């Protein structure tokens, strides 16, 4: 799985949608190519961390907390 939108768990997708919405807003001032690269990297880290933690909403919350608040980027 390479995109958060492909995750079957609707609770996890909802958490990730909220997070990546914030990421999009935080990266809006960057050139599109740079913003896409950052977002792709964050997605990969989030998916890996969620998978390693066993999946589910708790794993997603933990993974997103580890990535940090997008507003601080």
Protein backbone atom coordinates (compact mmCIF):
# COMPACT_ATOMS: atom_id res chain seq x y z
CA UNK A 1 0.00 0.00 0.00
CA UNK A 2 1.53 3.28 -1.04
CA UNK A 3 -1.26 5.83 -0.40
CA UNK A 4 -3.21 6.53 2.77
CA UNK A 5 -6.39 6.62 0.68
CA UNK A 6 -5.92 2.88 0.02
CA UNK A 7 -6.12 1.94 3.71
CA UNK A 8 -9.30 -0.13 4.21
CA UNK A 9 -10.04 1.00 7.80
CA UNK A 10 -12.39 4.03 7.59
CA UNK A 11 -11.35 5.33 11.03
CA UNK A 12 -7.69 5.34 10.03
CA UNK A 13 -8.51 6.98 6.68
CA UNK A 14 -10.46 9.68 8.50
CA UNK A 15 -7.55 10.43 10.83
CA UNK A 16 -5.14 10.55 7.92
CA UNK A 17 -7.47 12.74 5.85
CA UNK A 18 -7.54 15.30 8.64
CA UNK A 19 -3.78 15.17 9.08
CA UNK A 20 -2.95 15.43 5.39
CA UNK A 21 -5.45 18.26 4.98
CA UNK A 22 -3.35 20.16 7.52
CA UNK A 23 -0.20 19.11 5.67
CA UNK A 24 -1.60 20.51 2.41
CA UNK A 25 -2.33 23.84 4.08
CA UNK A 26 1.09 23.94 5.75
CA UNK A 27 2.89 23.27 2.47
CA UNK A 28 0.76 25.57 0.32
CA UNK A 29 3.50 28.19 0.05
CA UNK A 30 6.01 25.72 -1.40
CA UNK A 31 6.33 25.00 -5.11
CA UNK A 32 4.00 22.14 -6.05
CA UNK A 33 6.83 19.67 -6.78
CA UNK A 34 8.47 20.26 -3.39
CA UNK A 35 5.17 20.06 -1.53
CA UNK A 36 4.33 16.77 -3.29
CA UNK A 37 7.72 15.31 -2.37
CA UNK A 38 7.28 16.22 1.29
CA UNK A 39 3.75 14.86 1.36
CA UNK A 40 4.78 11.60 -0.32
CA UNK A 41 7.56 11.13 2.24
CA UNK A 42 5.19 11.82 5.14
CA UNK A 43 2.64 9.39 3.72
CA UNK A 44 5.26 6.64 3.47
CA UNK A 45 6.39 7.21 7.06
CA UNK A 46 2.81 7.26 8.35
CA UNK A 47 1.80 4.08 6.52
CA UNK A 48 4.92 2.26 7.67
CA UNK A 49 4.48 3.35 11.30
CA UNK A 50 0.80 2.39 11.33
CA UNK A 51 1.59 -1.00 9.82
CA UNK A 52 4.42 -1.68 12.26
CA UNK A 53 2.14 -0.78 15.18
CA UNK A 54 -0.48 -3.29 14.06
CA UNK A 55 -2.89 -0.97 12.28
CA UNK A 56 -6.04 0.59 13.62
CA UNK A 57 -6.97 4.05 14.85
CA UNK A 58 -4.70 3.94 17.93
CA UNK A 59 -1.71 3.08 15.77
CA UNK A 60 -2.63 5.91 13.40
CA UNK A 61 -2.93 8.43 16.23
CA UNK A 62 0.46 7.39 17.56
CA UNK A 63 2.08 7.52 14.11
CA UNK A 64 0.69 10.99 13.41
CA UNK A 65 1.82 12.24 16.80
CA UNK A 66 5.31 10.99 15.98
CA UNK A 67 5.28 12.85 12.66
CA UNK A 68 4.38 16.06 14.44
CA UNK A 69 1.95 18.89 13.95
CA UNK A 70 1.88 20.04 10.31
CA UNK A 71 1.34 23.61 11.49
CA UNK A 72 4.87 23.47 12.91
CA UNK A 73 6.49 22.60 9.57
